Each structure stands twice: as C-alpha cells, then as structure tokens.
Amino acid sequence: MSDQENLKKQAAHAEDLQDSGMARRHWITAGVAAAAGLTGAFVAWQKYQPQGVMDVAVQNFWSQTFEKPEGGTLEMKSFRGRPLLVNFWATWCPPCIEELPLIDAFYKANQSKSFQVVGLAVDQPSQVRRFLTQKPLQFPNGLAGMVGTELGVSLGNAQSALPYSVLFDAKGRLLAQKAGKLDQKDLDSWLQKVA
C-alpha cells in the first residue's frame, strides 16, 4: 500500500470518527434537552400539586385554637380521635362559596358515623360573620385569618389556593389534600379512606 493510499485511509477514518463524535454529541445534547424538558414539565406539574407535609406541621395543626364566629374557641385537638375534613375557605372566593352547601350536606349525612368537618375561614371576621348569618352552616368554623393561610401552606398548599381541603384519620395523620373545589366524588373517596 502506498503512502498516499495510507494517508487517504487515515483521513477517511479520522472523518468517520469526527462524524460519529458529532452524531454522539448531537444525541447526547438531544437527550439532555429532552430530560430538561421532562424535568421542567414535572416541576411545573409538581408546583400546582399539594406538597408533602412534615410531621411537625401536622402536630402544629393539632395545637391550633381559633375564635368561632359566634363566640368561644375552636380547639383543633378536640377533634382528634375521629376522621376530620378541614376546609380552608373565604367569603370572597366563589368556588369556596359554591362548595360549602355540598360540604354541609356531607357533614349532616356523616356526623352520625363519627366523621367530622371543620371550616377555617381565611377572611375578615366581620365578613365571615355576615356570611354565616345569611347562609348558616351546620359544621363548626374557625376565624383563621392570615394564620389560616400559613397553616394551609404548612399542610401542603404551596400556592395558597382556595378552597383547600385536607383529610385526617382518627389517629390524626394527614391522609389526603386537595387544592380547588371539592365534589361529591372527592367526598365519597375520602369517606372510603377512613372507613
């Protein structure tokens, strides 16, 4: 084989290596971009899902006390020992107002089964009192104000969305969370979780 043929082979081999290296880099870059896209989509999805809750936050919840709209206090520890649905709501929140009659009917239908419901109004006390005078609810409510917002965040409501609901079992453990309006399917499902 002549030197010239040998040089041509080496040049062709070097060109093949360069092409395969570029192709490999192209595929690696595409893979990284795809992974970044999936990661970004997951992060965006995760951002709007109720967040995990630490045991400390759950213990803090059970130590809370709120003023009741009609007077007196509402101690969360008094609800331990039976399943509890807690609904964070406000008078200025249309989906909150829409779901309250459903939650009230659910409470009436299940209180004999030891299922409890508590509303925590993240609102001005005067607005809550006025609202409840016009549209009374059977389940107990607490005037949570800004403390309610912080409490909701600690219980997984990272976006401070309203309405926001959580479900505790009879042992005081957090079982479920939902940002947004509850529907009958949610309530039926939650009832099954604690049955």
N, C-alpha and C. Protein backbone atom coordinates (compact mmCIF):
# COMPACT_ATOMS: atom_id res chain seq x y z
N MET A 1 0.86 -1.17 0.00
CA MET A 1 0.00 0.00 0.00
C MET A 1 0.90 1.22 0.00
N SER A 2 0.55 2.21 -0.83
CA SER A 2 1.40 3.40 -0.95
C SER A 2 1.11 4.36 0.19
N ASP A 3 2.06 5.24 0.39
CA ASP A 3 1.88 6.25 1.44
C ASP A 3 0.65 7.10 1.20
N GLN A 4 0.41 7.37 -0.10
CA GLN A 4 -0.74 8.22 -0.44
C GLN A 4 -2.05 7.51 -0.11
N GLU A 5 -2.16 6.22 -0.42
CA GLU A 5 -3.36 5.46 -0.09
C GLU A 5 -3.55 5.36 1.42
N ASN A 6 -2.44 5.16 2.12
CA ASN A 6 -2.47 5.07 3.58
C ASN A 6 -2.97 6.38 4.18
N LEU A 7 -2.51 7.50 3.68
CA LEU A 7 -2.94 8.82 4.15
C LEU A 7 -4.44 9.03 3.90
N LYS A 8 -4.91 8.56 2.71
CA LYS A 8 -6.34 8.69 2.38
C LYS A 8 -7.19 7.88 3.36
N LYS A 9 -6.73 6.64 3.68
CA LYS A 9 -7.45 5.80 4.63
C LYS A 9 -7.49 6.44 6.01
N GLN A 10 -6.36 6.98 6.43
CA GLN A 10 -6.30 7.62 7.75
C GLN A 10 -7.21 8.85 7.80
N ALA A 11 -7.23 9.61 6.70
CA ALA A 11 -8.08 10.80 6.63
C ALA A 11 -9.55 10.40 6.66
N ALA A 12 -9.90 9.32 5.92
CA ALA A 12 -11.28 8.85 5.90
C ALA A 12 -11.69 8.34 7.29
N HIS A 13 -10.76 7.61 7.92
CA HIS A 13 -11.03 7.10 9.27
C HIS A 13 -11.22 8.25 10.26
N ALA A 14 -10.39 9.26 10.16
CA ALA A 14 -10.50 10.43 11.04
C ALA A 14 -11.82 11.15 10.81
N GLU A 15 -12.24 11.24 9.54
CA GLU A 15 -13.51 11.89 9.21
C GLU A 15 -14.69 11.10 9.78
N ASP A 16 -14.61 9.74 9.69
CA ASP A 16 -15.66 8.89 10.26
C ASP A 16 -15.75 9.08 11.78
N LEU A 17 -14.59 9.14 12.43
CA LEU A 17 -14.56 9.35 13.88
C LEU A 17 -15.17 10.70 14.24
N GLN A 18 -14.83 11.72 13.45
CA GLN A 18 -15.35 13.06 13.73
C GLN A 18 -16.87 13.07 13.56
N ASP A 19 -17.37 12.42 12.46
CA ASP A 19 -18.81 12.36 12.22
C ASP A 19 -19.52 11.60 13.34
N SER A 20 -18.94 10.45 13.76
CA SER A 20 -19.59 9.69 14.82
C SER A 20 -19.55 10.46 16.14
N GLY A 21 -18.48 11.20 16.40
CA GLY A 21 -18.39 12.03 17.60
C GLY A 21 -19.42 13.14 17.57
N MET A 22 -19.59 13.75 16.40
CA MET A 22 -20.60 14.81 16.28
C MET A 22 -22.00 14.23 16.45
N ALA A 23 -22.21 13.05 15.86
CA ALA A 23 -23.52 12.41 16.00
C ALA A 23 -23.78 12.07 17.46
N ARG A 24 -22.74 11.54 18.13
CA ARG A 24 -22.88 11.19 19.54
C ARG A 24 -23.19 12.44 20.36
N ARG A 25 -22.44 13.54 20.09
CA ARG A 25 -22.70 14.79 20.82
C ARG A 25 -24.11 15.29 20.53
N HIS A 26 -24.56 15.15 19.27
CA HIS A 26 -25.91 15.58 18.90
C HIS A 26 -26.94 14.79 19.71
N TRP A 27 -26.79 13.45 19.78
CA TRP A 27 -27.73 12.63 20.52
C TRP A 27 -27.66 12.90 22.01
N ILE A 28 -26.47 13.13 22.51
CA ILE A 28 -26.34 13.46 23.94
C ILE A 28 -27.03 14.79 24.23
N THR A 29 -26.80 15.79 23.37
CA THR A 29 -27.44 17.09 23.54
C THR A 29 -28.96 16.96 23.47
N ALA A 30 -29.44 16.15 22.51
CA ALA A 30 -30.88 15.95 22.38
C ALA A 30 -31.43 15.25 23.63
N GLY A 31 -30.70 14.27 24.14
CA GLY A 31 -31.13 13.57 25.35
C GLY A 31 -31.18 14.48 26.55
N VAL A 32 -30.16 15.33 26.68
CA VAL A 32 -30.13 16.28 27.79
C VAL A 32 -31.29 17.26 27.67
N ALA A 33 -31.55 17.74 26.46
CA ALA A 33 -32.65 18.68 26.25
C ALA A 33 -33.99 18.02 26.56
N ALA A 34 -34.15 16.77 26.15
CA ALA A 34 -35.40 16.06 26.43
C ALA A 34 -35.57 15.87 27.94
N ALA A 35 -34.49 15.47 28.59
CA ALA A 35 -34.55 15.29 30.05
C ALA A 35 -34.88 16.60 30.74
N ALA A 36 -34.27 17.69 30.27
CA ALA A 36 -34.55 19.00 30.87
C ALA A 36 -36.01 19.38 30.64
N GLY A 37 -36.52 19.08 29.45
CA GLY A 37 -37.93 19.37 29.17
C GLY A 37 -38.86 18.58 30.07
N LEU A 38 -38.57 17.29 30.24
CA LEU A 38 -39.38 16.46 31.13
C LEU A 38 -39.27 16.94 32.57
N THR A 39 -38.05 17.29 32.96
CA THR A 39 -37.86 17.81 34.32
C THR A 39 -38.65 19.09 34.51
N GLY A 40 -38.60 19.98 33.52
CA GLY A 40 -39.35 21.24 33.60
C GLY A 40 -40.84 21.00 33.67
N ALA A 41 -41.32 20.05 32.87
CA ALA A 41 -42.75 19.73 32.90
C ALA A 41 -43.14 19.14 34.25
N PHE A 42 -42.28 18.27 34.79
CA PHE A 42 -42.56 17.68 36.09
C PHE A 42 -42.57 18.75 37.18
N VAL A 43 -41.59 19.65 37.13
CA VAL A 43 -41.53 20.73 38.12
C VAL A 43 -42.77 21.61 38.03
N ALA A 44 -43.20 21.93 36.81
CA ALA A 44 -44.40 22.75 36.64
C ALA A 44 -45.63 22.01 37.17
N TRP A 45 -45.74 20.72 36.89
CA TRP A 45 -46.86 19.93 37.39
C TRP A 45 -46.82 19.88 38.92
N GLN A 46 -45.62 19.61 39.44
CA GLN A 46 -45.45 19.48 40.89
C GLN A 46 -45.78 20.79 41.60
N LYS A 47 -45.49 21.91 40.95
CA LYS A 47 -45.72 23.23 41.56
C LYS A 47 -47.18 23.41 41.96
N TYR A 48 -48.09 22.83 41.17
CA TYR A 48 -49.50 23.02 41.42
C TYR A 48 -50.17 21.85 42.14
N GLN A 49 -49.38 20.90 42.60
CA GLN A 49 -49.91 19.79 43.38
C GLN A 49 -49.72 20.08 44.86
N PRO A 50 -50.64 19.60 45.69
CA PRO A 50 -50.41 19.78 47.12
C PRO A 50 -49.08 19.15 47.51
N GLN A 51 -48.33 19.86 48.31
CA GLN A 51 -46.99 19.43 48.67
C GLN A 51 -46.99 18.49 49.86
N GLY A 52 -45.92 17.71 49.97
CA GLY A 52 -45.74 16.81 51.10
C GLY A 52 -45.71 17.59 52.40
N VAL A 53 -46.16 16.97 53.44
CA VAL A 53 -46.29 17.66 54.71
C VAL A 53 -45.44 16.93 55.75
N MET A 54 -44.66 17.70 56.46
CA MET A 54 -43.83 17.12 57.51
C MET A 54 -44.67 16.86 58.75
N ASP A 55 -44.24 15.89 59.53
CA ASP A 55 -44.94 15.55 60.77
C ASP A 55 -45.06 16.75 61.70
N VAL A 56 -44.05 17.62 61.70
CA VAL A 56 -44.07 18.80 62.57
C VAL A 56 -45.27 19.69 62.22
N ALA A 57 -45.54 19.85 60.93
CA ALA A 57 -46.66 20.68 60.50
C ALA A 57 -48.00 20.09 60.96
N VAL A 58 -48.11 18.77 60.87
CA VAL A 58 -49.34 18.11 61.30
C VAL A 58 -49.51 18.27 62.81
N GLN A 59 -48.43 18.10 63.56
CA GLN A 59 -48.51 18.28 65.01
C GLN A 59 -48.87 19.73 65.35
N ASN A 60 -48.33 20.67 64.60
CA ASN A 60 -48.66 22.08 64.80
C ASN A 60 -50.15 22.33 64.56
N PHE A 61 -50.70 21.69 63.54
CA PHE A 61 -52.12 21.84 63.26
C PHE A 61 -52.96 21.49 64.49
N TRP A 62 -52.64 20.37 65.13
CA TRP A 62 -53.45 19.90 66.25
C TRP A 62 -53.31 20.79 67.48
N SER A 63 -52.34 21.67 67.50
CA SER A 63 -52.18 22.58 68.65
C SER A 63 -52.87 23.93 68.44
N GLN A 64 -53.48 24.13 67.26
CA GLN A 64 -54.10 25.42 66.93
C GLN A 64 -55.45 25.61 67.65
N THR A 65 -55.72 26.89 67.95
CA THR A 65 -57.01 27.29 68.51
C THR A 65 -57.48 28.52 67.74
N PHE A 66 -58.76 28.55 67.39
CA PHE A 66 -59.32 29.67 66.64
C PHE A 66 -60.58 30.18 67.33
N GLU A 67 -60.84 31.45 67.15
CA GLU A 67 -62.10 32.03 67.62
C GLU A 67 -63.21 31.55 66.69
N LYS A 68 -64.37 31.25 67.26
CA LYS A 68 -65.53 30.88 66.46
C LYS A 68 -66.31 32.15 66.10
N PRO A 69 -66.96 32.19 64.94
CA PRO A 69 -67.72 33.37 64.56
C PRO A 69 -68.80 33.76 65.57
N GLU A 70 -69.41 32.77 66.21
CA GLU A 70 -70.48 33.03 67.17
C GLU A 70 -69.96 33.27 68.57
N GLY A 71 -68.63 33.22 68.74
CA GLY A 71 -68.01 33.40 70.05
C GLY A 71 -67.49 32.07 70.58
N GLY A 72 -66.57 32.15 71.49
CA GLY A 72 -65.95 30.94 72.02
C GLY A 72 -64.75 30.55 71.19
N THR A 73 -64.17 29.40 71.53
CA THR A 73 -62.98 28.96 70.81
C THR A 73 -63.17 27.58 70.22
N LEU A 74 -62.41 27.35 69.17
CA LEU A 74 -62.42 26.09 68.44
C LEU A 74 -61.01 25.52 68.54
N GLU A 75 -60.86 24.47 69.34
CA GLU A 75 -59.55 23.86 69.54
C GLU A 75 -59.43 22.63 68.64
N MET A 76 -58.41 22.63 67.80
CA MET A 76 -58.24 21.52 66.87
C MET A 76 -58.01 20.20 67.61
N LYS A 77 -57.34 20.23 68.75
CA LYS A 77 -57.09 18.99 69.49
C LYS A 77 -58.38 18.31 69.93
N SER A 78 -59.46 19.06 70.04
CA SER A 78 -60.73 18.46 70.45
C SER A 78 -61.32 17.57 69.35
N PHE A 79 -60.78 17.64 68.14
CA PHE A 79 -61.28 16.84 67.02
C PHE A 79 -60.47 15.56 66.80
N ARG A 80 -59.42 15.37 67.58
CA ARG A 80 -58.63 14.14 67.44
C ARG A 80 -59.45 12.94 67.88
N GLY A 81 -59.15 11.81 67.28
CA GLY A 81 -59.83 10.57 67.67
C GLY A 81 -60.90 10.13 66.69
N ARG A 82 -61.27 11.03 65.77
CA ARG A 82 -62.24 10.69 64.73
C ARG A 82 -61.78 11.32 63.42
N PRO A 83 -62.15 10.74 62.27
CA PRO A 83 -61.76 11.33 60.99
C PRO A 83 -62.24 12.79 60.90
N LEU A 84 -61.41 13.62 60.27
CA LEU A 84 -61.70 15.06 60.17
C LEU A 84 -61.37 15.61 58.79
N LEU A 85 -62.34 16.27 58.19
CA LEU A 85 -62.13 17.03 56.96
C LEU A 85 -62.01 18.49 57.37
N VAL A 86 -60.94 19.14 56.95
CA VAL A 86 -60.76 20.57 57.23
C VAL A 86 -60.80 21.30 55.90
N ASN A 87 -61.66 22.31 55.81
CA ASN A 87 -61.83 23.09 54.59
C ASN A 87 -61.44 24.54 54.85
N PHE A 88 -60.41 25.02 54.13
CA PHE A 88 -59.99 26.42 54.18
C PHE A 88 -60.80 27.17 53.13
N TRP A 89 -61.48 28.24 53.53
CA TRP A 89 -62.36 28.96 52.62
C TRP A 89 -62.36 30.45 52.94
N ALA A 90 -62.99 31.23 52.06
CA ALA A 90 -63.15 32.67 52.27
C ALA A 90 -64.43 33.14 51.59
N THR A 91 -65.00 34.22 52.09
CA THR A 91 -66.25 34.74 51.53
C THR A 91 -66.05 35.33 50.14
N TRP A 92 -64.83 35.78 49.83
CA TRP A 92 -64.54 36.41 48.54
C TRP A 92 -64.15 35.40 47.47
N CYS A 93 -64.21 34.12 47.80
CA CYS A 93 -63.77 33.03 46.91
C CYS A 93 -64.99 32.30 46.34
N PRO A 94 -65.39 32.56 45.08
CA PRO A 94 -66.59 31.91 44.52
C PRO A 94 -66.57 30.38 44.58
N PRO A 95 -65.47 29.69 44.25
CA PRO A 95 -65.52 28.23 44.37
C PRO A 95 -65.72 27.76 45.81
N CYS A 96 -65.21 28.54 46.76
CA CYS A 96 -65.42 28.20 48.18
C CYS A 96 -66.90 28.24 48.52
N ILE A 97 -67.54 29.32 48.12
CA ILE A 97 -68.96 29.52 48.42
C ILE A 97 -69.79 28.45 47.73
N GLU A 98 -69.39 28.07 46.50
CA GLU A 98 -70.11 27.04 45.76
C GLU A 98 -70.04 25.69 46.44
N GLU A 99 -68.90 25.34 47.06
CA GLU A 99 -68.75 24.01 47.64
C GLU A 99 -69.29 23.91 49.07
N LEU A 100 -69.49 25.03 49.75
CA LEU A 100 -69.93 24.97 51.15
C LEU A 100 -71.25 24.20 51.36
N PRO A 101 -72.29 24.39 50.52
CA PRO A 101 -73.51 23.60 50.73
C PRO A 101 -73.27 22.08 50.58
N LEU A 102 -72.41 21.69 49.67
CA LEU A 102 -72.08 20.28 49.49
C LEU A 102 -71.37 19.73 50.74
N ILE A 103 -70.41 20.50 51.25
CA ILE A 103 -69.68 20.08 52.45
C ILE A 103 -70.63 20.01 53.65
N ASP A 104 -71.54 20.98 53.74
CA ASP A 104 -72.51 21.00 54.84
C ASP A 104 -73.42 19.77 54.77
N ALA A 105 -73.90 19.43 53.58
CA ALA A 105 -74.75 18.25 53.41
C ALA A 105 -73.97 16.98 53.75
N PHE A 106 -72.70 16.93 53.35
CA PHE A 106 -71.84 15.79 53.66
C PHE A 106 -71.67 15.66 55.17
N TYR A 107 -71.48 16.77 55.83
CA TYR A 107 -71.34 16.77 57.30
C TYR A 107 -72.60 16.21 57.95
N LYS A 108 -73.76 16.72 57.54
CA LYS A 108 -75.03 16.28 58.13
C LYS A 108 -75.24 14.79 57.91
N ALA A 109 -74.88 14.29 56.72
CA ALA A 109 -75.10 12.88 56.39
C ALA A 109 -74.13 11.95 57.11
N ASN A 110 -72.97 12.45 57.53
CA ASN A 110 -71.95 11.56 58.07
C ASN A 110 -71.55 11.81 59.52
N GLN A 111 -72.10 12.82 60.15
CA GLN A 111 -71.69 13.09 61.53
C GLN A 111 -72.09 11.95 62.46
N SER A 112 -73.16 11.24 62.15
CA SER A 112 -73.55 10.10 62.99
C SER A 112 -72.56 8.94 62.83
N LYS A 113 -71.75 8.97 61.77
CA LYS A 113 -70.72 7.95 61.54
C LYS A 113 -69.38 8.38 62.13
N SER A 114 -69.42 9.38 63.00
CA SER A 114 -68.21 9.90 63.65
C SER A 114 -67.29 10.64 62.69
N PHE A 115 -67.80 11.09 61.56
CA PHE A 115 -66.99 11.87 60.63
C PHE A 115 -67.19 13.35 60.96
N GLN A 116 -66.10 14.08 61.09
CA GLN A 116 -66.16 15.49 61.48
C GLN A 116 -65.74 16.39 60.32
N VAL A 117 -66.26 17.61 60.34
CA VAL A 117 -65.88 18.63 59.37
C VAL A 117 -65.66 19.93 60.12
N VAL A 118 -64.60 20.63 59.75
CA VAL A 118 -64.31 21.95 60.30
C VAL A 118 -63.97 22.88 59.14
N GLY A 119 -64.54 24.07 59.17
CA GLY A 119 -64.17 25.10 58.21
C GLY A 119 -63.24 26.10 58.87
N LEU A 120 -62.21 26.50 58.15
CA LEU A 120 -61.32 27.56 58.63
C LEU A 120 -61.38 28.71 57.64
N ALA A 121 -62.01 29.80 58.07
CA ALA A 121 -62.23 30.95 57.20
C ALA A 121 -60.98 31.83 57.18
N VAL A 122 -60.39 31.93 56.00
CA VAL A 122 -59.20 32.75 55.79
C VAL A 122 -59.71 34.09 55.27
N ASP A 123 -60.26 34.89 56.18
CA ASP A 123 -61.01 36.07 55.77
C ASP A 123 -61.15 37.02 56.96
N GLN A 124 -61.74 38.18 56.71
CA GLN A 124 -62.03 39.14 57.77
C GLN A 124 -63.17 38.60 58.65
N PRO A 125 -63.02 38.63 59.97
CA PRO A 125 -64.07 38.10 60.85
C PRO A 125 -65.45 38.70 60.58
N SER A 126 -65.52 40.01 60.33
CA SER A 126 -66.83 40.64 60.09
C SER A 126 -67.49 40.08 58.83
N GLN A 127 -66.70 39.81 57.79
CA GLN A 127 -67.25 39.25 56.54
C GLN A 127 -67.77 37.83 56.78
N VAL A 128 -67.02 37.06 57.54
CA VAL A 128 -67.41 35.67 57.82
C VAL A 128 -68.70 35.65 58.64
N ARG A 129 -68.77 36.50 59.66
CA ARG A 129 -69.98 36.55 60.50
C ARG A 129 -71.20 36.94 59.67
N ARG A 130 -71.04 37.95 58.82
CA ARG A 130 -72.14 38.39 57.96
C ARG A 130 -72.58 37.26 57.04
N PHE A 131 -71.62 36.59 56.43
CA PHE A 131 -71.93 35.49 55.50
C PHE A 131 -72.68 34.38 56.23
N LEU A 132 -72.17 33.96 57.39
CA LEU A 132 -72.79 32.85 58.12
C LEU A 132 -74.15 33.21 58.71
N THR A 133 -74.42 34.49 58.90
CA THR A 133 -75.75 34.92 59.33
C THR A 133 -76.75 34.70 58.19
N GLN A 134 -76.30 34.98 56.97
CA GLN A 134 -77.16 34.83 55.80
C GLN A 134 -77.26 33.38 55.32
N LYS A 135 -76.14 32.65 55.42
CA LYS A 135 -76.10 31.26 54.95
C LYS A 135 -75.44 30.38 56.02
N PRO A 136 -76.18 30.05 57.06
CA PRO A 136 -75.60 29.28 58.17
C PRO A 136 -75.12 27.90 57.72
N LEU A 137 -74.07 27.45 58.38
CA LEU A 137 -73.52 26.12 58.16
C LEU A 137 -73.65 25.32 59.44
N GLN A 138 -73.89 24.03 59.31
CA GLN A 138 -74.04 23.17 60.48
C GLN A 138 -72.69 22.79 61.10
N PHE A 139 -71.65 22.66 60.26
CA PHE A 139 -70.35 22.26 60.79
C PHE A 139 -69.63 23.45 61.41
N PRO A 140 -68.79 23.20 62.41
CA PRO A 140 -68.10 24.30 63.09
C PRO A 140 -67.09 25.00 62.19
N ASN A 141 -66.94 26.29 62.45
CA ASN A 141 -66.00 27.11 61.69
C ASN A 141 -65.13 27.91 62.65
N GLY A 142 -63.91 28.17 62.21
CA GLY A 142 -62.99 29.00 62.96
C GLY A 142 -62.56 30.19 62.13
N LEU A 143 -62.29 31.30 62.80
CA LEU A 143 -61.81 32.50 62.14
C LEU A 143 -60.28 32.41 62.09
N ALA A 144 -59.76 31.97 60.95
CA ALA A 144 -58.34 31.67 60.84
C ALA A 144 -57.51 32.84 60.32
N GLY A 145 -58.10 33.74 59.53
CA GLY A 145 -57.35 34.88 59.01
C GLY A 145 -56.04 34.48 58.35
N MET A 146 -55.01 35.32 58.52
CA MET A 146 -53.71 35.05 57.90
C MET A 146 -53.04 33.82 58.49
N VAL A 147 -53.32 33.51 59.74
CA VAL A 147 -52.77 32.28 60.34
C VAL A 147 -53.27 31.07 59.54
N GLY A 148 -54.50 31.16 59.05
CA GLY A 148 -55.06 30.09 58.24
C GLY A 148 -54.31 29.91 56.94
N THR A 149 -53.89 31.01 56.33
CA THR A 149 -53.10 30.93 55.10
C THR A 149 -51.79 30.20 55.38
N GLU A 150 -51.11 30.61 56.43
CA GLU A 150 -49.83 29.97 56.79
C GLU A 150 -50.04 28.50 57.16
N LEU A 151 -51.11 28.21 57.86
CA LEU A 151 -51.41 26.84 58.25
C LEU A 151 -51.66 25.98 57.01
N GLY A 152 -52.43 26.52 56.06
CA GLY A 152 -52.68 25.80 54.81
C GLY A 152 -51.39 25.50 54.06
N VAL A 153 -50.50 26.49 54.00
CA VAL A 153 -49.20 26.28 53.34
C VAL A 153 -48.43 25.17 54.04
N SER A 154 -48.43 25.19 55.36
CA SER A 154 -47.70 24.15 56.10
C SER A 154 -48.30 22.76 55.89
N LEU A 155 -49.58 22.71 55.53
CA LEU A 155 -50.26 21.45 55.28
C LEU A 155 -50.26 21.08 53.79
N GLY A 156 -49.36 21.70 53.02
CA GLY A 156 -49.17 21.31 51.63
C GLY A 156 -49.73 22.24 50.57
N ASN A 157 -50.37 23.33 50.95
CA ASN A 157 -50.96 24.24 49.98
C ASN A 157 -49.93 25.30 49.57
N ALA A 158 -48.92 24.88 48.81
CA ALA A 158 -47.79 25.74 48.48
C ALA A 158 -48.21 27.02 47.75
N GLN A 159 -49.29 26.98 46.99
CA GLN A 159 -49.74 28.14 46.22
C GLN A 159 -50.75 28.99 46.96
N SER A 160 -51.09 28.63 48.18
CA SER A 160 -52.11 29.33 48.97
C SER A 160 -53.43 29.43 48.23
N ALA A 161 -53.78 28.37 47.50
CA ALA A 161 -55.02 28.35 46.74
C ALA A 161 -56.21 28.14 47.67
N LEU A 162 -57.33 28.72 47.30
CA LEU A 162 -58.59 28.48 48.00
C LEU A 162 -59.62 28.07 46.97
N PRO A 163 -60.51 27.19 47.33
CA PRO A 163 -60.55 26.44 48.58
C PRO A 163 -59.43 25.41 48.63
N TYR A 164 -59.13 24.98 49.85
CA TYR A 164 -58.13 23.94 50.08
C TYR A 164 -58.66 23.06 51.19
N SER A 165 -58.61 21.75 50.97
CA SER A 165 -59.16 20.83 51.96
C SER A 165 -58.15 19.73 52.27
N VAL A 166 -58.18 19.28 53.52
CA VAL A 166 -57.32 18.19 53.96
C VAL A 166 -58.16 17.19 54.75
N LEU A 167 -57.70 15.95 54.76
CA LEU A 167 -58.38 14.88 55.48
C LEU A 167 -57.40 14.24 56.46
N PHE A 168 -57.83 14.15 57.71
CA PHE A 168 -57.06 13.47 58.74
C PHE A 168 -57.80 12.21 59.15
N ASP A 169 -57.04 11.17 59.49
CA ASP A 169 -57.68 9.96 60.00
C ASP A 169 -57.89 10.09 61.50
N ALA A 170 -58.45 9.05 62.11
CA ALA A 170 -58.76 9.09 63.54
C ALA A 170 -57.52 9.22 64.42
N LYS A 171 -56.36 8.83 63.89
CA LYS A 171 -55.11 8.94 64.64
C LYS A 171 -54.43 10.29 64.44
N GLY A 172 -55.06 11.17 63.67
CA GLY A 172 -54.51 12.50 63.46
C GLY A 172 -53.51 12.59 62.33
N ARG A 173 -53.41 11.56 61.51
CA ARG A 173 -52.48 11.56 60.38
C ARG A 173 -53.14 12.17 59.15
N LEU A 174 -52.38 12.93 58.40
CA LEU A 174 -52.88 13.54 57.17
C LEU A 174 -52.96 12.47 56.09
N LEU A 175 -54.17 12.27 55.54
CA LEU A 175 -54.39 11.24 54.53
C LEU A 175 -54.53 11.78 53.12
N ALA A 176 -55.13 12.96 52.98
CA ALA A 176 -55.41 13.49 51.64
C ALA A 176 -55.46 15.01 51.67
N GLN A 177 -55.19 15.59 50.51
CA GLN A 177 -55.21 17.04 50.34
C GLN A 177 -55.80 17.35 48.97
N LYS A 178 -56.50 18.46 48.88
CA LYS A 178 -56.99 18.90 47.56
C LYS A 178 -57.03 20.41 47.50
N ALA A 179 -56.36 20.95 46.50
CA ALA A 179 -56.45 22.38 46.18
C ALA A 179 -57.55 22.50 45.13
N GLY A 180 -58.51 23.36 45.39
CA GLY A 180 -59.63 23.51 44.46
C GLY A 180 -60.91 22.97 45.07
N LYS A 181 -61.99 23.19 44.34
CA LYS A 181 -63.33 22.86 44.82
C LYS A 181 -63.52 21.35 44.93
N LEU A 182 -64.04 20.92 46.08
CA LEU A 182 -64.40 19.52 46.28
C LEU A 182 -65.68 19.20 45.52
N ASP A 183 -65.80 17.95 45.08
CA ASP A 183 -67.06 17.49 44.50
C ASP A 183 -67.49 16.23 45.24
N GLN A 184 -68.64 15.71 44.92
CA GLN A 184 -69.16 14.54 45.63
C GLN A 184 -68.24 13.35 45.50
N LYS A 185 -67.61 13.20 44.35
CA LYS A 185 -66.69 12.08 44.13
C LYS A 185 -65.52 12.17 45.11
N ASP A 186 -64.98 13.37 45.32
CA ASP A 186 -63.89 13.55 46.29
C ASP A 186 -64.35 13.15 47.68
N LEU A 187 -65.51 13.63 48.08
CA LEU A 187 -66.02 13.36 49.42
C LEU A 187 -66.27 11.86 49.63
N ASP A 188 -66.84 11.20 48.63
CA ASP A 188 -67.07 9.76 48.71
C ASP A 188 -65.76 9.00 48.83
N SER A 189 -64.78 9.42 48.05
CA SER A 189 -63.46 8.79 48.09
C SER A 189 -62.80 8.97 49.45
N TRP A 190 -62.90 10.18 50.00
CA TRP A 190 -62.30 10.46 51.30
C TRP A 190 -62.99 9.67 52.40
N LEU A 191 -64.28 9.52 52.28
CA LEU A 191 -65.02 8.73 53.28
C LEU A 191 -64.54 7.28 53.27
N GLN A 192 -64.26 6.75 52.08
CA GLN A 192 -63.75 5.39 51.95
C GLN A 192 -62.36 5.25 52.57
N LYS A 193 -61.55 6.29 52.48
CA LYS A 193 -60.19 6.24 53.04
C LYS A 193 -60.18 6.04 54.54
N VAL A 194 -61.21 6.51 55.21
CA VAL A 194 -61.23 6.43 56.68
C VAL A 194 -62.20 5.36 57.19
N ALA A 195 -62.87 4.68 56.27
CA ALA A 195 -63.86 3.65 56.67
C ALA A 195 -63.17 2.42 57.23
